[in-house]
């Protein structure tokens, strides 16, 4: 089969022209990558190279995490293309961060989805678990946060005594907890459930209501209150 560059394709099939005419949402991940790469390599188009990258790295997240040395193993990936990809991923990260930065006033939440939408940019790209405690005042508005632990979530790392020490010191009326699963699966582990139930029970004793515990992953979340692990 004779090789043809994308420039030789019919105009309606070229990724860049399709994006400009119909918008980016209708393009595949490989087509979007091809637009960023602009050109392919010897005997392959930019779309061929994009598909090869996705097959080699398995997912967009793995592609984002790849080092320059890993990219250079792919024929056709020179310094310019590596820089183009790294720049595109960094712009995506900054866009997510801006979503949080624009909310200059600490928020109040009406449901778990609002908690997820607010905190998602803060946890994006983290390679280890982070457990955050948000403290709320009597008007149900967050006024302070503290990172309780960084690392694998266990009862020894997230102890009720340490968690509520901050909340009592700050005179919080209630708290909610947010932590991430870098694996991409927000399903709570046995430790997650046990920690949540212990914290909720401790909150009742000290008079600080535990509103929820949200587990965040890539594009998904789970509310342990909605799952019945926190009783009002």
C-alpha atoms as a PDB file:
ATOM      1  CA  UNK A   1       0.000   0.000   0.000  1.00  0.00           C
ATOM      2  CA  UNK A   2       1.365   3.400  -0.999  1.00  0.00           C
ATOM      3  CA  UNK A   3       2.074   5.734   1.939  1.00  0.00           C
ATOM      4  CA  UNK A   4       0.287   9.082   1.902  1.00  0.00           C
ATOM      5  CA  UNK A   5       0.937  11.983   4.244  1.00  0.00           C
ATOM      6  CA  UNK A   6      -2.063  13.682   5.888  1.00  0.00           C
ATOM      7  CA  UNK A   7      -1.656  16.601   3.503  1.00  0.00           C
ATOM      8  CA  UNK A   8      -2.548  14.222   0.674  1.00  0.00           C
ATOM      9  CA  UNK A   9      -5.745  13.019   2.354  1.00  0.00           C
ATOM     10  CA  UNK A  10      -9.148  14.380   1.272  1.00  0.00           C
ATOM     11  CA  UNK A  11      -9.695  17.672   3.104  1.00  0.00           C
ATOM     12  CA  UNK A  12     -12.722  16.381   5.027  1.00  0.00           C
ATOM     13  CA  UNK A  13     -10.660  13.579   6.565  1.00  0.00           C
ATOM     14  CA  UNK A  14      -7.710  15.656   7.788  1.00  0.00           C
ATOM     15  CA  UNK A  15      -7.756  16.011  11.599  1.00  0.00           C
ATOM     16  CA  UNK A  16      -6.888  19.727  11.653  1.00  0.00           C
ATOM     17  CA  UNK A  17      -9.532  20.666   9.100  1.00  0.00           C
ATOM     18  CA  UNK A  18     -12.130  18.531  10.869  1.00  0.00           C
ATOM     19  CA  UNK A  19     -11.345  20.246  14.175  1.00  0.00           C
ATOM     20  CA  UNK A  20     -11.699  23.718  12.694  1.00  0.00           C
ATOM     21  CA  UNK A  21     -14.913  22.807  10.914  1.00  0.00           C
ATOM     22  CA  UNK A  22     -16.656  20.650  13.502  1.00  0.00           C
ATOM     23  CA  UNK A  23     -14.877  21.271  16.828  1.00  0.00           C
ATOM     24  CA  UNK A  24     -12.419  19.244  18.893  1.00  0.00           C
ATOM     25  CA  UNK A  25     -14.994  17.105  20.716  1.00  0.00           C
ATOM     26  CA  UNK A  26     -15.694  15.014  17.628  1.00  0.00           C
ATOM     27  CA  UNK A  27     -12.087  13.939  17.143  1.00  0.00           C
ATOM     28  CA  UNK A  28     -10.515  10.807  18.570  1.00  0.00           C
ATOM     29  CA  UNK A  29      -7.610  10.982  21.004  1.00  0.00           C
ATOM     30  CA  UNK A  30      -5.264   9.839  18.234  1.00  0.00           C
ATOM     31  CA  UNK A  31      -6.496  12.599  15.924  1.00  0.00           C
ATOM     32  CA  UNK A  32      -5.985  15.246  18.604  1.00  0.00           C
ATOM     33  CA  UNK A  33      -2.459  13.968  19.237  1.00  0.00           C
ATOM     34  CA  UNK A  34      -1.769  14.038  15.505  1.00  0.00           C
ATOM     35  CA  UNK A  35      -2.662  17.738  15.389  1.00  0.00           C
ATOM     36  CA  UNK A  36      -0.199  18.449  18.209  1.00  0.00           C
ATOM     37  CA  UNK A  37       2.556  16.353  16.587  1.00  0.00           C
ATOM     38  CA  UNK A  38       1.920  17.992  13.173  1.00  0.00           C
ATOM     39  CA  UNK A  39       4.105  15.505  11.269  1.00  0.00           C
ATOM     40  CA  UNK A  40       4.932  11.830  11.493  1.00  0.00           C
ATOM     41  CA  UNK A  41       8.150  10.096  10.593  1.00  0.00           C
ATOM     42  CA  UNK A  42       9.655   8.254   7.694  1.00  0.00           C
ATOM     43  CA  UNK A  43       6.890   6.193   6.088  1.00  0.00           C
ATOM     44  CA  UNK A  44       4.180   7.153   8.601  1.00  0.00           C
ATOM     45  CA  UNK A  45       1.793  10.033   9.050  1.00  0.00           C
ATOM     46  CA  UNK A  46       1.241  12.088  12.207  1.00  0.00           C
ATOM     47  CA  UNK A  47      -1.876   9.984  12.835  1.00  0.00           C
ATOM     48  CA  UNK A  48       0.140   6.770  12.515  1.00  0.00           C
ATOM     49  CA  UNK A  49       2.656   8.131  15.025  1.00  0.00           C
ATOM     50  CA  UNK A  50      -0.136   9.188  17.399  1.00  0.00           C
ATOM     51  CA  UNK A  51      -1.665   5.702  17.298  1.00  0.00           C
ATOM     52  CA  UNK A  52       1.743   4.156  17.902  1.00  0.00           C
ATOM     53  CA  UNK A  53       2.221   6.349  20.973  1.00  0.00           C
ATOM     54  CA  UNK A  54      -1.174   5.386  22.404  1.00  0.00           C
ATOM     55  CA  UNK A  55      -0.478   1.687  21.840  1.00  0.00           C
ATOM     56  CA  UNK A  56       2.979   1.951  23.400  1.00  0.00           C
ATOM     57  CA  UNK A  57       1.924   3.928  26.499  1.00  0.00           C
ATOM     58  CA  UNK A  58      -1.543   2.334  26.953  1.00  0.00           C
ATOM     59  CA  UNK A  59      -3.324   5.510  28.074  1.00  0.00           C
ATOM     60  CA  UNK A  60      -3.213   9.305  27.886  1.00  0.00           C
ATOM     61  CA  UNK A  61      -2.214   9.411  31.569  1.00  0.00           C
ATOM     62  CA  UNK A  62       0.772   7.124  30.906  1.00  0.00           C
ATOM     63  CA  UNK A  63       1.624   9.270  27.887  1.00  0.00           C
ATOM     64  CA  UNK A  64       1.586  12.372  30.086  1.00  0.00           C
ATOM     65  CA  UNK A  65       3.828  10.719  32.671  1.00  0.00           C
ATOM     66  CA  UNK A  66       6.381   9.482  30.114  1.00  0.00           C
ATOM     67  CA  UNK A  67       9.893  10.896  30.256  1.00  0.00           C
ATOM     68  CA  UNK A  68      11.802  12.338  27.305  1.00  0.00           C
ATOM     69  CA  UNK A  69      13.959   9.200  27.300  1.00  0.00           C
ATOM     70  CA  UNK A  70      10.885   6.980  26.976  1.00  0.00           C
ATOM     71  CA  UNK A  71       9.523   9.086  24.120  1.00  0.00           C
ATOM     72  CA  UNK A  72      12.823   8.967  22.254  1.00  0.00           C
ATOM     73  CA  UNK A  73      12.485   5.176  21.915  1.00  0.00           C
ATOM     74  CA  UNK A  74       9.616   5.753  19.477  1.00  0.00           C
ATOM     75  CA  UNK A  75      10.844   6.256  15.925  1.00  0.00           C
ATOM     76  CA  UNK A  76       9.860   9.723  14.760  1.00  0.00           C
ATOM     77  CA  UNK A  77       9.724  11.293  18.243  1.00  0.00           C
ATOM     78  CA  UNK A  78      12.458  13.938  18.247  1.00  0.00           C
ATOM     79  CA  UNK A  79      13.019  16.748  20.732  1.00  0.00           C
ATOM     80  CA  UNK A  80      10.553  19.086  18.995  1.00  0.00           C
ATOM     81  CA  UNK A  81       7.656  16.610  19.155  1.00  0.00           C
ATOM     82  CA  UNK A  82       8.445  15.669  22.751  1.00  0.00           C
ATOM     83  CA  UNK A  83       8.426  19.354  23.710  1.00  0.00           C
ATOM     84  CA  UNK A  84       5.120  19.885  21.885  1.00  0.00           C
ATOM     85  CA  UNK A  85       3.452  17.066  23.827  1.00  0.00           C
ATOM     86  CA  UNK A  86       4.898  18.154  27.171  1.00  0.00           C
ATOM     87  CA  UNK A  87       3.725  21.727  26.551  1.00  0.00           C
ATOM     88  CA  UNK A  88       0.202  20.555  25.640  1.00  0.00           C
ATOM     89  CA  UNK A  89      -0.096  18.468  28.830  1.00  0.00           C
ATOM     90  CA  UNK A  90       1.209  21.343  30.965  1.00  0.00           C
ATOM     91  CA  UNK A  91      -1.413  23.671  29.484  1.00  0.00           C
ATOM     92  CA  UNK A  92      -4.071  21.124  30.432  1.00  0.00           C
ATOM     93  CA  UNK A  93      -2.780  21.015  34.015  1.00  0.00           C
ATOM     94  CA  UNK A  94      -2.783  24.798  34.252  1.00  0.00           C
ATOM     95  CA  UNK A  95      -6.327  24.969  32.946  1.00  0.00           C
ATOM     96  CA  UNK A  96      -7.468  22.627  35.701  1.00  0.00           C
ATOM     97  CA  UNK A  97      -5.588  24.646  38.311  1.00  0.00           C
ATOM     98  CA  UNK A  98      -7.164  27.861  37.059  1.00  0.00           C
ATOM     99  CA  UNK A  99     -10.582  26.387  37.735  1.00  0.00           C
ATOM    100  CA  UNK A 100      -9.669  26.292  41.413  1.00  0.00           C
ATOM    101  CA  UNK A 101      -7.783  29.595  41.431  1.00  0.00           C
ATOM    102  CA  UNK A 102     -10.789  31.489  40.075  1.00  0.00           C
ATOM    103  CA  UNK A 103     -12.744  30.465  43.152  1.00  0.00           C
ATOM    104  CA  UNK A 104     -10.977  32.925  45.418  1.00  0.00           C
ATOM    105  CA  UNK A 105     -13.623  32.721  48.142  1.00  0.00           C
ATOM    106  CA  UNK A 106     -13.699  29.478  50.083  1.00  0.00           C
ATOM    107  CA  UNK A 107     -16.841  27.640  49.031  1.00  0.00           C
ATOM    108  CA  UNK A 108     -19.933  26.174  50.568  1.00  0.00           C
ATOM    109  CA  UNK A 109     -21.250  22.917  49.165  1.00  0.00           C
ATOM    110  CA  UNK A 110     -24.746  21.611  48.624  1.00  0.00           C
ATOM    111  CA  UNK A 111     -23.837  18.111  47.419  1.00  0.00           C
ATOM    112  CA  UNK A 112     -20.955  15.734  46.831  1.00  0.00           C
ATOM    113  CA  UNK A 113     -20.672  16.661  43.153  1.00  0.00           C
ATOM    114  CA  UNK A 114     -19.827  20.259  44.098  1.00  0.00           C
ATOM    115  CA  UNK A 115     -17.129  18.996  46.475  1.00  0.00           C
ATOM    116  CA  UNK A 116     -15.646  16.871  43.691  1.00  0.00           C
ATOM    117  CA  UNK A 117     -15.752  19.688  41.118  1.00  0.00           C
ATOM    118  CA  UNK A 118     -13.977  22.069  43.491  1.00  0.00           C
ATOM    119  CA  UNK A 119     -11.238  19.732  44.698  1.00  0.00           C
ATOM    120  CA  UNK A 120     -10.593  17.732  41.506  1.00  0.00           C
ATOM    121  CA  UNK A 121      -7.935  20.169  40.164  1.00  0.00           C
ATOM    122  CA  UNK A 122      -6.108  20.081  43.499  1.00  0.00           C
ATOM    123  CA  UNK A 123      -5.613  16.328  43.291  1.00  0.00           C
ATOM    124  CA  UNK A 124      -4.940  16.066  39.562  1.00  0.00           C
ATOM    125  CA  UNK A 125      -1.701  14.283  38.698  1.00  0.00           C
ATOM    126  CA  UNK A 126      -0.795  13.251  42.256  1.00  0.00           C
ATOM    127  CA  UNK A 127       1.080   9.959  42.314  1.00  0.00           C
ATOM    128  CA  UNK A 128       0.338   9.157  45.960  1.00  0.00           C
ATOM    129  CA  UNK A 129      -2.703   9.371  48.187  1.00  0.00           C
ATOM    130  CA  UNK A 130      -3.374  12.655  49.957  1.00  0.00           C
ATOM    131  CA  UNK A 131      -5.948  13.024  52.724  1.00  0.00           C
ATOM    132  CA  UNK A 132      -7.363  16.523  53.191  1.00  0.00           C
ATOM    133  CA  UNK A 133      -9.620  17.833  55.938  1.00  0.00           C
ATOM    134  CA  UNK A 134     -11.825  20.826  55.077  1.00  0.00           C
ATOM    135  CA  UNK A 135     -13.173  22.736  58.079  1.00  0.00           C
ATOM    136  CA  UNK A 136     -16.524  24.526  57.879  1.00  0.00           C
ATOM    137  CA  UNK A 137     -18.064  27.268  59.996  1.00  0.00           C
ATOM    138  CA  UNK A 138     -21.606  27.465  61.380  1.00  0.00           C
ATOM    139  CA  UNK A 139     -22.801  28.836  58.012  1.00  0.00           C
ATOM    140  CA  UNK A 140     -21.538  25.663  56.332  1.00  0.00           C
ATOM    141  CA  UNK A 141     -18.744  27.451  54.479  1.00  0.00           C
ATOM    142  CA  UNK A 142     -15.181  26.136  54.253  1.00  0.00           C
ATOM    143  CA  UNK A 143     -12.807  28.479  56.052  1.00  0.00           C
ATOM    144  CA  UNK A 144      -9.662  26.394  56.424  1.00  0.00           C
ATOM    145  CA  UNK A 145      -8.056  23.193  55.160  1.00  0.00           C
ATOM    146  CA  UNK A 146      -5.310  20.927  56.389  1.00  0.00           C
ATOM    147  CA  UNK A 147      -3.473  18.031  54.729  1.00  0.00           C
ATOM    148  CA  UNK A 148      -3.689  15.202  57.246  1.00  0.00           C
ATOM    149  CA  UNK A 149      -1.455  12.734  55.432  1.00  0.00           C
ATOM    150  CA  UNK A 150       0.482  12.063  52.240  1.00  0.00           C
ATOM    151  CA  UNK A 151       0.986   8.421  51.349  1.00  0.00           C
ATOM    152  CA  UNK A 152      -0.890   5.138  51.528  1.00  0.00           C
ATOM    153  CA  UNK A 153      -4.022   5.607  53.576  1.00  0.00           C
ATOM    154  CA  UNK A 154      -3.965   3.582  56.804  1.00  0.00           C
ATOM    155  CA  UNK A 155      -5.471   4.054  60.229  1.00  0.00           C
ATOM    156  CA  UNK A 156      -2.022   4.854  61.623  1.00  0.00           C
ATOM    157  CA  UNK A 157      -1.610   7.777  59.212  1.00  0.00           C
ATOM    158  CA  UNK A 158      -5.134   9.135  59.621  1.00  0.00           C
ATOM    159  CA  UNK A 159      -5.822   9.004  63.333  1.00  0.00           C
ATOM    160  CA  UNK A 160      -8.962  10.707  64.721  1.00  0.00           C
ATOM    161  CA  UNK A 161      -6.899  12.411  67.427  1.00  0.00           C
ATOM    162  CA  UNK A 162      -4.728  14.196  64.865  1.00  0.00           C
ATOM    163  CA  UNK A 163      -7.586  14.981  62.499  1.00  0.00           C
ATOM    164  CA  UNK A 164      -9.822  16.563  65.106  1.00  0.00           C
ATOM    165  CA  UNK A 165      -6.986  18.343  66.908  1.00  0.00           C
ATOM    166  CA  UNK A 166      -6.906  20.851  64.024  1.00  0.00           C
ATOM    167  CA  UNK A 167     -10.692  21.072  63.786  1.00  0.00           C
ATOM    168  CA  UNK A 168     -11.094  21.703  67.531  1.00  0.00           C
ATOM    169  CA  UNK A 169      -8.300  24.297  67.523  1.00  0.00           C
ATOM    170  CA  UNK A 170     -10.001  26.169  64.664  1.00  0.00           C
ATOM    171  CA  UNK A 171     -13.456  25.863  66.273  1.00  0.00           C
ATOM    172  CA  UNK A 172     -14.901  24.148  63.222  1.00  0.00           C
ATOM    173  CA  UNK A 173     -18.620  23.442  63.268  1.00  0.00           C
ATOM    174  CA  UNK A 174     -18.230  20.554  60.837  1.00  0.00           C
ATOM    175  CA  UNK A 175     -15.664  18.879  58.608  1.00  0.00           C
ATOM    176  CA  UNK A 176     -15.521  16.978  55.370  1.00  0.00           C
ATOM    177  CA  UNK A 177     -12.711  14.794  54.094  1.00  0.00           C
ATOM    178  CA  UNK A 178     -11.329  14.433  50.590  1.00  0.00           C
ATOM    179  CA  UNK A 179      -8.673  12.025  49.385  1.00  0.00           C
ATOM    180  CA  UNK A 180      -7.547  10.596  46.059  1.00  0.00           C
ATOM    181  CA  UNK A 181      -6.945   7.189  44.565  1.00  0.00           C
ATOM    182  CA  UNK A 182      -4.046   7.504  42.082  1.00  0.00           C
ATOM    183  CA  UNK A 183      -5.034   4.101  40.651  1.00  0.00           C
ATOM    184  CA  UNK A 184      -7.998   5.725  38.913  1.00  0.00           C
ATOM    185  CA  UNK A 185     -10.574   3.605  40.775  1.00  0.00           C
ATOM    186  CA  UNK A 186     -12.472   5.515  43.501  1.00  0.00           C
ATOM    187  CA  UNK A 187     -13.936   2.345  45.045  1.00  0.00           C
ATOM    188  CA  UNK A 188     -13.315   2.584  48.822  1.00  0.00           C
ATOM    189  CA  UNK A 189     -10.980   0.055  50.385  1.00  0.00           C
ATOM    190  CA  UNK A 190     -11.665  -1.623  53.711  1.00  0.00           C
ATOM    191  CA  UNK A 191      -9.256   0.869  55.311  1.00  0.00           C
ATOM    192  CA  UNK A 192     -11.125   3.777  53.702  1.00  0.00           C
ATOM    193  CA  UNK A 193     -14.418   2.584  55.170  1.00  0.00           C
ATOM    194  CA  UNK A 194     -12.994   1.843  58.634  1.00  0.00           C
ATOM    195  CA  UNK A 195     -11.255   5.237  58.816  1.00  0.00           C
ATOM    196  CA  UNK A 196     -14.423   7.023  57.735  1.00  0.00           C
ATOM    197  CA  UNK A 197     -16.573   5.261  60.323  1.00  0.00           C
ATOM    198  CA  UNK A 198     -14.018   5.975  63.086  1.00  0.00           C
ATOM    199  CA  UNK A 199     -13.821   9.645  62.144  1.00  0.00           C
ATOM    200  CA  UNK A 200     -17.600   9.991  62.012  1.00  0.00           C
ATOM    201  CA  UNK A 201     -17.928   8.371  65.454  1.00  0.00           C
ATOM    202  CA  UNK A 202     -15.213  10.635  66.904  1.00  0.00           C
ATOM    203  CA  UNK A 203     -16.911  13.678  65.405  1.00  0.00           C
ATOM    204  CA  UNK A 204     -20.090  12.873  67.312  1.00  0.00           C
ATOM    205  CA  UNK A 205     -18.146  12.608  70.571  1.00  0.00           C
ATOM    206  CA  UNK A 206     -16.352  15.946  70.160  1.00  0.00           C
ATOM    207  CA  UNK A 207     -19.379  17.741  68.693  1.00  0.00           C
ATOM    208  CA  UNK A 208     -18.017  18.295  65.176  1.00  0.00           C
ATOM    209  CA  UNK A 209     -20.223  16.852  62.456  1.00  0.00           C
ATOM    210  CA  UNK A 210     -18.556  14.845  59.678  1.00  0.00           C
ATOM    211  CA  UNK A 211     -20.440  15.820  56.532  1.00  0.00           C
ATOM    212  CA  UNK A 212     -18.813  13.481  54.023  1.00  0.00           C
ATOM    213  CA  UNK A 213     -15.694  11.712  52.828  1.00  0.00           C
ATOM    214  CA  UNK A 214     -15.154  12.048  49.081  1.00  0.00           C
ATOM    215  CA  UNK A 215     -12.765   9.755  47.213  1.00  0.00           C
ATOM    216  CA  UNK A 216     -11.511  11.282  43.954  1.00  0.00           C
ATOM    217  CA  UNK A 217      -9.931   9.560  40.955  1.00  0.00           C
ATOM    218  CA  UNK A 218      -9.611  10.310  37.234  1.00  0.00           C
ATOM    219  CA  UNK A 219     -12.976  11.780  36.263  1.00  0.00           C
ATOM    220  CA  UNK A 220     -14.841   9.849  38.965  1.00  0.00           C
ATOM    221  CA  UNK A 221     -15.648  10.095  42.649  1.00  0.00           C
ATOM    222  CA  UNK A 222     -17.487   8.280  45.415  1.00  0.00           C
ATOM    223  CA  UNK A 223     -19.225   9.783  48.440  1.00  0.00           C
ATOM    224  CA  UNK A 224     -18.978   7.578  51.523  1.00  0.00           C
ATOM    225  CA  UNK A 225     -21.881   9.463  53.072  1.00  0.00           C
ATOM    226  CA  UNK A 226     -24.067   8.546  50.092  1.00  0.00           C
ATOM    227  CA  UNK A 227     -22.826   4.954  50.415  1.00  0.00           C
ATOM    228  CA  UNK A 228     -24.158   4.863  53.976  1.00  0.00           C
ATOM    229  CA  UNK A 229     -20.850   4.870  55.887  1.00  0.00           C
ATOM    230  CA  UNK A 230     -21.552   8.183  57.656  1.00  0.00           C
ATOM    231  CA  UNK A 231     -24.670   8.419  59.775  1.00  0.00           C
ATOM    232  CA  UNK A 232     -26.036  11.874  60.593  1.00  0.00           C
END
